PDB file of N, CA and C in Angstrom:
ATOM      1  N   MET A   1    -118.160 213.696 -45.157  1.00  0.00           N
ATOM      2  CA  MET A   1    -118.177 214.301 -43.797  1.00  0.00           C
ATOM      3  C   MET A   1    -118.600 213.815 -42.937  1.00  0.00           C
ATOM      4  N   SER A   2    -118.779 214.247 -41.456  1.00  0.00           N
ATOM      5  CA  SER A   2    -119.116 213.573 -40.810  1.00  0.00           C
ATOM      6  C   SER A   2    -119.261 215.027 -39.702  1.00  0.00           C
ATOM      7  N   TYR A   3    -120.597 214.477 -39.574  1.00  0.00           N
ATOM      8  CA  TYR A   3    -121.651 215.122 -38.791  1.00  0.00           C
ATOM      9  C   TYR A   3    -122.347 215.075 -37.086  1.00  0.00           C
ATOM     10  N   ILE A   4    -122.341 216.327 -36.743  1.00  0.00           N
ATOM     11  CA  ILE A   4    -122.828 215.270 -35.786  1.00  0.00           C
ATOM     12  C   ILE A   4    -123.435 216.488 -34.655  1.00  0.00           C
ATOM     13  N   CYS A   5    -125.106 215.863 -33.786  1.00  0.00           N
ATOM     14  CA  CYS A   5    -125.886 217.293 -33.538  1.00  0.00           C
ATOM     15  C   CYS A   5    -125.405 217.237 -32.538  1.00  0.00           C
ATOM     16  N   PRO A   6    -124.902 218.631 -31.845  1.00  0.00           N
ATOM     17  CA  PRO A   6    -124.155 219.428 -30.501  1.00  0.00           C
ATOM     18  C   PRO A   6    -125.059 219.328 -29.135  1.00  0.00           C
ATOM     19  N   LEU A   7    -126.483 218.533 -29.214  1.00  0.00           N
ATOM     20  CA  LEU A   7    -127.648 218.619 -28.334  1.00  0.00           C
ATOM     21  C   LEU A   7    -127.751 217.567 -27.876  1.00  0.00           C
ATOM     22  N   CYS A   8    -128.031 216.402 -29.232  1.00  0.00           N
ATOM     23  CA  CYS A   8    -127.297 214.153 -28.773  1.00  0.00           C
ATOM     24  C   CYS A   8    -126.271 214.626 -28.015  1.00  0.00           C
ATOM     25  N   ASN A   9    -124.987 215.163 -28.135  1.00  0.00           N
ATOM     26  CA  ASN A   9    -123.755 214.396 -28.012  1.00  0.00           C
ATOM     27  C   ASN A   9    -123.934 215.552 -26.662  1.00  0.00           C
ATOM     28  N   GLY A  10    -124.285 216.232 -26.158  1.00  0.00           N
ATOM     29  CA  GLY A  10    -124.632 217.184 -25.158  1.00  0.00           C
ATOM     30  C   GLY A  10    -123.723 217.649 -24.863  1.00  0.00           C
ATOM     31  N   LEU A  11    -122.968 218.987 -26.177  1.00  0.00           N
ATOM     32  CA  LEU A  11    -122.009 219.099 -26.128  1.00  0.00           C
ATOM     33  C   LEU A  11    -122.702 221.336 -26.035  1.00  0.00           C
ATOM     34  N   VAL A  12    -124.361 220.918 -25.983  1.00  0.00           N
ATOM     35  CA  VAL A  12    -124.756 222.716 -25.900  1.00  0.00           C
ATOM     36  C   VAL A  12    -125.724 222.015 -25.197  1.00  0.00           C
ATOM     37  N   VAL A  13    -125.748 222.930 -24.410  1.00  0.00           N
ATOM     38  CA  VAL A  13    -127.375 223.174 -22.902  1.00  0.00           C
ATOM     39  C   VAL A  13    -128.013 224.029 -24.322  1.00  0.00           C
ATOM     40  N   PRO A  14    -129.862 222.841 -24.492  1.00  0.00           N
ATOM     41  CA  PRO A  14    -131.090 223.921 -24.567  1.00  0.00           C
ATOM     42  C   PRO A  14    -131.136 224.831 -23.355  1.00  0.00           C
ATOM     43  N   GLU A  15    -131.650 226.344 -24.172  1.00  0.00           N
ATOM     44  CA  GLU A  15    -132.263 227.238 -23.377  1.00  0.00           C
ATOM     45  C   GLU A  15    -133.190 227.641 -24.081  1.00  0.00           C
ATOM     46  N   GLN A  16    -134.516 227.017 -24.278  1.00  0.00           N
ATOM     47  CA  GLN A  16    -135.258 228.276 -25.645  1.00  0.00           C
ATOM     48  C   GLN A  16    -136.104 228.310 -24.265  1.00  0.00           C
ATOM     49  N   ALA A  17    -136.953 229.266 -24.582  1.00  0.00           N
ATOM     50  CA  ALA A  17    -137.777 229.649 -23.889  1.00  0.00           C
ATOM     51  C   ALA A  17    -139.505 229.136 -24.704  1.00  0.00           C
ATOM     52  N   CYS A  18    -140.156 229.157 -24.272  1.00  0.00           N
ATOM     53  CA  CYS A  18    -141.873 228.215 -24.412  1.00  0.00           C
ATOM     54  C   CYS A  18    -142.302 229.851 -25.266  1.00  0.00           C
ATOM     55  N   PRO A  19    -142.657 229.667 -26.343  1.00  0.00           N
ATOM     56  CA  PRO A  19    -143.121 230.541 -27.085  1.00  0.00           C
ATOM     57  C   PRO A  19    -144.775 230.653 -26.687  1.00  0.00           C
ATOM     58  N   HIS A  20    -145.393 229.722 -26.304  1.00  0.00           N
ATOM     59  CA  HIS A  20    -146.508 230.477 -25.262  1.00  0.00           C
ATOM     60  C   HIS A  20    -146.545 231.022 -23.965  1.00  0.00           C
ATOM     61  N   CYS A  21    -145.586 230.785 -23.261  1.00  0.00           N
ATOM     62  CA  CYS A  21    -145.987 231.428 -22.003  1.00  0.00           C
ATOM     63  C   CYS A  21    -144.676 231.499 -21.400  1.00  0.00           C
ATOM     64  N   LEU A  22    -143.550 231.626 -22.046  1.00  0.00           N
ATOM     65  CA  LEU A  22    -142.043 232.083 -22.162  1.00  0.00           C
ATOM     66  C   LEU A  22    -141.513 231.228 -20.937  1.00  0.00           C
ATOM     67  N   GLN A  23    -142.052 230.598 -20.224  1.00  0.00           N
ATOM     68  CA  GLN A  23    -141.339 229.018 -19.619  1.00  0.00           C
ATOM     69  C   GLN A  23    -140.082 228.969 -19.888  1.00  0.00           C
ATOM     70  N   GLY A  24    -138.694 228.555 -19.592  1.00  0.00           N
ATOM     71  CA  GLY A  24    -138.222 227.726 -19.581  1.00  0.00           C
ATOM     72  C   GLY A  24    -138.601 225.582 -20.550  1.00  0.00           C
ATOM     73  N   LEU A  25    -137.626 225.086 -21.686  1.00  0.00           N
ATOM     74  CA  LEU A  25    -138.010 224.380 -22.694  1.00  0.00           C
ATOM     75  C   LEU A  25    -137.047 223.244 -21.807  1.00  0.00           C
ATOM     76  N   SER A  26    -138.075 221.911 -21.526  1.00  0.00           N
ATOM     77  CA  SER A  26    -136.759 220.946 -21.240  1.00  0.00           C
ATOM     78  C   SER A  26    -137.200 220.367 -22.178  1.00  0.00           C
ATOM     79  N   GLU A  27    -135.820 219.914 -23.074  1.00  0.00           N
ATOM     80  CA  GLU A  27    -135.559 218.846 -24.410  1.00  0.00           C
ATOM     81  C   GLU A  27    -136.049 217.350 -24.092  1.00  0.00           C
ATOM     82  N   CYS A  28    -136.621 216.826 -24.475  1.00  0.00           N
ATOM     83  CA  CYS A  28    -137.223 215.362 -24.408  1.00  0.00           C
ATOM     84  C   CYS A  28    -136.189 213.905 -25.612  1.00  0.00           C
ATOM     85  N   GLY A  29    -135.552 214.373 -25.927  1.00  0.00           N
ATOM     86  CA  GLY A  29    -135.515 213.857 -27.416  1.00  0.00           C
ATOM     87  C   GLY A  29    -134.904 214.054 -28.607  1.00  0.00           C
ATOM     88  N   LYS A  30    -134.608 213.426 -29.695  1.00  0.00           N
ATOM     89  CA  LYS A  30    -134.637 213.186 -31.078  1.00  0.00           C
ATOM     90  C   LYS A  30    -135.991 212.568 -31.528  1.00  0.00           C
ATOM     91  N   LEU A  31    -137.387 213.438 -32.433  1.00  0.00           N
ATOM     92  CA  LEU A  31    -138.080 213.339 -32.839  1.00  0.00           C
ATOM     93  C   LEU A  31    -138.025 211.867 -32.934  1.00  0.00           C
ATOM     94  N   ASN A  32    -136.742 211.835 -34.020  1.00  0.00           N
ATOM     95  CA  ASN A  32    -136.834 209.991 -34.484  1.00  0.00           C
ATOM     96  C   ASN A  32    -136.912 209.325 -33.980  1.00  0.00           C
ATOM     97  N   ASP A  33    -136.191 209.227 -32.527  1.00  0.00           N
ATOM     98  CA  ASP A  33    -136.238 208.043 -31.691  1.00  0.00           C
ATOM     99  C   ASP A  33    -137.939 207.959 -30.855  1.00  0.00           C
ATOM    100  N   TYR A  34    -139.162 209.500 -31.072  1.00  0.00           N
ATOM    101  CA  TYR A  34    -140.260 208.946 -30.919  1.00  0.00           C
ATOM    102  C   TYR A  34    -140.994 208.018 -32.437  1.00  0.00           C
ATOM    103  N   THR A  35    -140.514 208.358 -32.883  1.00  0.00           N
ATOM    104  CA  THR A  35    -141.484 208.039 -34.141  1.00  0.00           C
ATOM    105  C   THR A  35    -140.503 206.805 -35.006  1.00  0.00           C
ATOM    106  N   GLY A  36    -139.354 206.672 -35.152  1.00  0.00           N
ATOM    107  CA  GLY A  36    -138.749 205.639 -35.092  1.00  0.00           C
ATOM    108  C   GLY A  36    -138.542 206.046 -37.032  1.00  0.00           C
ATOM    109  N   PRO A  37    -138.005 204.461 -37.775  1.00  0.00           N
ATOM    110  CA  PRO A  37    -137.486 205.207 -38.786  1.00  0.00           C
ATOM    111  C   PRO A  37    -138.711 203.837 -40.405  1.00  0.00           C
ATOM    112  N   TYR A  38    -139.386 203.394 -38.674  1.00  0.00           N
ATOM    113  CA  TYR A  38    -140.441 202.851 -40.002  1.00  0.00           C
ATOM    114  C   TYR A  38    -141.529 202.978 -39.789  1.00  0.00           C
ATOM    115  N   SER A  39    -141.661 204.346 -38.802  1.00  0.00           N
ATOM    116  CA  SER A  39    -142.890 204.448 -38.426  1.00  0.00           C
ATOM    117  C   SER A  39    -144.056 205.049 -39.657  1.00  0.00           C
ATOM    118  N   PRO A  40    -144.821 205.267 -39.410  1.00  0.00           N
ATOM    119  CA  PRO A  40    -146.094 205.590 -40.641  1.00  0.00           C
ATOM    120  C   PRO A  40    -146.109 207.202 -39.711  1.00  0.00           C
ATOM    121  N   TYR A  41    -146.287 208.030 -38.789  1.00  0.00           N
ATOM    122  CA  TYR A  41    -146.425 209.099 -38.373  1.00  0.00           C
ATOM    123  C   TYR A  41    -145.233 210.184 -38.679  1.00  0.00           C
ATOM    124  N   ALA A  42    -144.586 209.411 -39.481  1.00  0.00           N
ATOM    125  CA  ALA A  42    -143.148 210.216 -40.305  1.00  0.00           C
ATOM    126  C   ALA A  42    -143.627 211.355 -40.882  1.00  0.00           C
ATOM    127  N   THR A  43    -142.318 212.907 -40.183  1.00  0.00           N
ATOM    128  CA  THR A  43    -142.974 213.026 -41.282  1.00  0.00           C
ATOM    129  C   THR A  43    -142.284 213.358 -42.775  1.00  0.00           C
ATOM    130  N   SER A  44    -142.499 214.163 -43.178  1.00  0.00           N
ATOM    131  CA  SER A  44    -141.349 214.437 -44.415  1.00  0.00           C
ATOM    132  C   SER A  44    -139.679 215.203 -44.698  1.00  0.00           C
ATOM    133  N   ILE A  45    -140.099 216.369 -43.137  1.00  0.00           N
ATOM    134  CA  ILE A  45    -139.348 216.701 -42.351  1.00  0.00           C
ATOM    135  C   ILE A  45    -138.640 215.634 -41.427  1.00  0.00           C
ATOM    136  N   THR A  46    -138.802 214.362 -41.500  1.00  0.00           N
ATOM    137  CA  THR A  46    -137.635 213.585 -40.118  1.00  0.00           C
ATOM    138  C   THR A  46    -137.367 212.494 -41.180  1.00  0.00           C
ATOM    139  N   SER A  47    -138.012 212.409 -42.329  1.00  0.00           N
ATOM    140  CA  SER A  47    -137.585 211.382 -43.556  1.00  0.00           C
ATOM    141  C   SER A  47    -136.242 212.091 -44.279  1.00  0.00           C
ATOM    142  N   SER A  48    -136.593 213.502 -44.207  1.00  0.00           N
ATOM    143  CA  SER A  48    -135.144 212.998 -45.039  1.00  0.00           C
ATOM    144  C   SER A  48    -134.498 214.175 -44.940  1.00  0.00           C
ATOM    145  N   THR A  49    -134.442 214.070 -43.018  1.00  0.00           N
ATOM    146  CA  THR A  49    -133.015 214.686 -42.181  1.00  0.00           C
ATOM    147  C   THR A  49    -132.101 213.176 -41.535  1.00  0.00           C
ATOM    148  N   SER A  50    -131.093 213.209 -42.079  1.00  0.00           N
ATOM    149  CA  SER A  50    -130.166 212.226 -41.445  1.00  0.00           C
ATOM    150  C   SER A  50    -129.146 213.173 -40.975  1.00  0.00           C
ATOM    151  N   ASP A  51    -128.055 212.286 -40.737  1.00  0.00           N
ATOM    152  CA  ASP A  51    -126.877 212.429 -39.859  1.00  0.00           C
ATOM    153  C   ASP A  51    -126.032 213.081 -41.188  1.00  0.00           C
ATOM    154  N   GLU A  52    -126.041 212.203 -42.280  1.00  0.00           N
ATOM    155  CA  GLU A  52    -124.957 212.253 -43.328  1.00  0.00           C
ATOM    156  C   GLU A  52    -125.295 213.265 -44.430  1.00  0.00           C
ATOM    157  N   GLU A  53    -126.295 213.973 -44.376  1.00  0.00           N
ATOM    158  CA  GLU A  53    -126.915 215.147 -45.123  1.00  0.00           C
ATOM    159  C   GLU A  53    -126.233 216.701 -44.712  1.00  0.00           C
ATOM    160  N   GLY A  54    -126.890 216.063 -43.811  1.00  0.00           N
ATOM    161  CA  GLY A  54    -125.931 217.914 -42.118  1.00  0.00           C
ATOM    162  C   GLY A  54    -126.876 219.314 -41.846  1.00  0.00           C
ATOM    163  N   SER A  55    -128.024 218.332 -42.134  1.00  0.00           N
ATOM    164  CA  SER A  55    -129.037 219.704 -41.976  1.00  0.00           C
ATOM    165  C   SER A  55    -129.272 220.548 -40.394  1.00  0.00           C
ATOM    166  N   SER A  56    -129.946 219.339 -40.101  1.00  0.00           N
ATOM    167  CA  SER A  56    -130.410 219.474 -39.012  1.00  0.00           C
ATOM    168  C   SER A  56    -131.720 218.607 -38.468  1.00  0.00           C
ATOM    169  N   CYS A  57    -131.135 218.011 -37.016  1.00  0.00           N
ATOM    170  CA  CYS A  57    -131.587 217.472 -36.255  1.00  0.00           C
ATOM    171  C   CYS A  57    -133.111 217.981 -34.998  1.00  0.00           C
ATOM    172  N   ILE A  58    -134.368 217.071 -35.242  1.00  0.00           N
ATOM    173  CA  ILE A  58    -135.147 217.417 -34.744  1.00  0.00           C
ATOM    174  C   ILE A  58    -135.513 216.802 -32.927  1.00  0.00           C
ATOM    175  N   HIS A  59    -135.520 217.863 -32.637  1.00  0.00           N
ATOM    176  CA  HIS A  59    -135.834 216.984 -31.044  1.00  0.00           C
ATOM    177  C   HIS A  59    -136.812 217.839 -30.758  1.00  0.00           C
ATOM    178  N   LEU A  60    -137.488 217.110 -29.377  1.00  0.00           N
ATOM    179  CA  LEU A  60    -139.170 217.605 -29.104  1.00  0.00           C
ATOM    180  C   LEU A  60    -138.830 218.509 -27.600  1.00  0.00           C
ATOM    181  N   MET A  61    -138.974 219.448 -27.841  1.00  0.00           N
ATOM    182  CA  MET A  61    -138.637 220.239 -26.612  1.00  0.00           C
ATOM    183  C   MET A  61    -140.162 220.283 -25.479  1.00  0.00           C
ATOM    184  N   TYR A  62    -140.684 220.474 -24.221  1.00  0.00           N
ATOM    185  CA  TYR A  62    -141.733 220.554 -23.740  1.00  0.00           C
ATOM    186  C   TYR A  62    -142.172 221.302 -23.440  1.00  0.00           C
ATOM    187  N   CYS A  63    -143.202 221.935 -22.259  1.00  0.00           N
ATOM    188  CA  CYS A  63    -143.280 222.845 -21.348  1.00  0.00           C
ATOM    189  C   CYS A  63    -144.109 222.493 -20.435  1.00  0.00           C
ATOM    190  N   HIS A  64    -142.858 222.425 -19.114  1.00  0.00           N
ATOM    191  CA  HIS A  64    -144.175 221.445 -17.818  1.00  0.00           C
ATOM    192  C   HIS A  64    -145.226 222.077 -17.730  1.00  0.00           C
ATOM    193  N   HIS A  65    -145.026 223.982 -17.900  1.00  0.00           N
ATOM    194  CA  HIS A  65    -145.804 225.037 -17.449  1.00  0.00           C
ATOM    195  C   HIS A  65    -146.738 225.341 -17.901  1.00  0.00           C
ATOM    196  N   CYS A  66    -147.556 225.383 -19.653  1.00  0.00           N
ATOM    197  CA  CYS A  66    -148.203 224.968 -20.328  1.00  0.00           C
ATOM    198  C   CYS A  66    -148.360 223.815 -21.013  1.00  0.00           C
ATOM    199  N   GLN A  67    -147.769 222.700 -20.551  1.00  0.00           N
ATOM    200  CA  GLN A  67    -148.249 221.093 -21.258  1.00  0.00           C
ATOM    201  C   GLN A  67    -148.251 220.885 -22.513  1.00  0.00           C
ATOM    202  N   THR A  68    -147.397 222.017 -23.124  1.00  0.00           N
ATOM    203  CA  THR A  68    -147.397 221.750 -25.091  1.00  0.00           C
ATOM    204  C   THR A  68    -146.188 221.388 -25.277  1.00  0.00           C
ATOM    205  N   GLY A  69    -146.256 220.845 -26.337  1.00  0.00           N
ATOM    206  CA  GLY A  69    -144.608 220.019 -26.582  1.00  0.00           C
ATOM    207  C   GLY A  69    -144.293 221.010 -27.889  1.00  0.00           C
ATOM    208  N   THR A  70    -142.791 221.218 -28.917  1.00  0.00           N
ATOM    209  CA  THR A  70    -143.232 222.005 -29.521  1.00  0.00           C
ATOM    210  C   THR A  70    -140.851 220.798 -30.703  1.00  0.00           C
ATOM    211  N   LEU A  71    -141.145 221.193 -31.440  1.00  0.00           N
ATOM    212  CA  LEU A  71    -140.114 220.592 -32.769  1.00  0.00           C
ATOM    213  C   LEU A  71    -139.165 222.027 -32.418  1.00  0.00           C
ATOM    214  N   GLN A  72    -137.973 221.525 -32.473  1.00  0.00           N
ATOM    215  CA  GLN A  72    -136.736 222.477 -32.544  1.00  0.00           C
ATOM    216  C   GLN A  72    -135.651 221.754 -33.200  1.00  0.00           C
ATOM    217  N   PRO A  73    -135.896 222.370 -34.390  1.00  0.00           N
ATOM    218  CA  PRO A  73    -134.373 221.841 -35.019  1.00  0.00           C
ATOM    219  C   PRO A  73    -133.243 222.221 -34.989  1.00  0.00           C
ATOM    220  N   VAL A  74    -132.200 221.230 -34.916  1.00  0.00           N
ATOM    221  CA  VAL A  74    -130.526 222.351 -34.654  1.00  0.00           C
ATOM    222  C   VAL A  74    -130.168 222.079 -35.230  1.00  0.00           C
ATOM    223  N   ALA A  75    -129.235 222.567 -35.670  1.00  0.00           N
ATOM    224  CA  ALA A  75    -127.758 222.696 -36.436  1.00  0.00           C
ATOM    225  C   ALA A  75    -127.177 221.566 -36.294  1.00  0.00           C
ATOM    226  N   MET A  76    -127.063 220.583 -37.711  1.00  0.00           N
ATOM    227  CA  MET A  76    -125.876 219.643 -37.274  1.00  0.00           C
ATOM    228  C   MET A  76    -124.064 220.287 -37.239  1.00  0.00           C
ATOM    229  N   TRP A  77    -123.093 219.974 -36.792  1.00  0.00           N
ATOM    230  CA  TRP A  77    -121.809 220.824 -36.902  1.00  0.00           C
ATOM    231  C   TRP A  77    -121.298 219.954 -37.533  1.00  0.00           C
ATOM    232  N   ASP A  78    -120.152 220.130 -38.376  1.00  0.00           N
ATOM    233  CA  ASP A  78    -119.385 219.617 -39.585  1.00  0.00           C
ATOM    234  C   ASP A  78    -118.379 218.982 -38.591  1.00  0.00           C
ATOM    235  N   MET A  79    -117.770 217.763 -38.416  1.00  0.00           N
ATOM    236  CA  MET A  79    -116.932 217.443 -37.751  1.00  0.00           C
ATOM    237  C   MET A  79    -116.209 216.418 -38.437  1.00  0.00           C
ATOM    238  N   SER A  80    -115.587 216.894 -39.996  1.00  0.00           N
ATOM    239  CA  SER A  80    -114.873 216.548 -40.222  1.00  0.00           C
ATOM    240  C   SER A  80    -113.417 217.206 -40.719  1.00  0.00           C
ATOM    241  N   GLY A  81    -112.901 216.318 -40.252  1.00  0.00           N
ATOM    242  CA  GLY A  81    -111.129 216.849 -39.927  1.00  0.00           C
ATOM    243  C   GLY A  81    -110.932 217.328 -38.967  1.00  0.00           C
ATOM    244  N   ASN A  82    -111.985 217.070 -37.301  1.00  0.00           N
ATOM    245  CA  ASN A  82    -111.177 218.122 -36.947  1.00  0.00           C
ATOM    246  C   ASN A  82    -111.052 216.556 -35.782  1.00  0.00           C
ATOM    247  N   LEU A  83    -111.434 215.773 -35.541  1.00  0.00           N
ATOM    248  CA  LEU A  83    -111.004 214.149 -34.837  1.00  0.00           C
ATOM    249  C   LEU A  83    -110.157 214.212 -34.726  1.00  0.00           C
TER     250      LEU A  83
END
């Protein structure tokens, strides 16, 4: 099966509100882009999540108003047979 992240591929626009101040969050990319596959700071969530599993892609969201970051799991879309 082939899974893609709709946020990574620009198929959806993130419109989440900050859990602290309710202002709009900016999407800053995949968490894996910051940690990398061999990072000592990688969590068990990122190391167990991959495109082949089809579960979720973890993205870093940032609030410019209160200067806080949060992790947002994005459900992967199954693209097998839709190409």
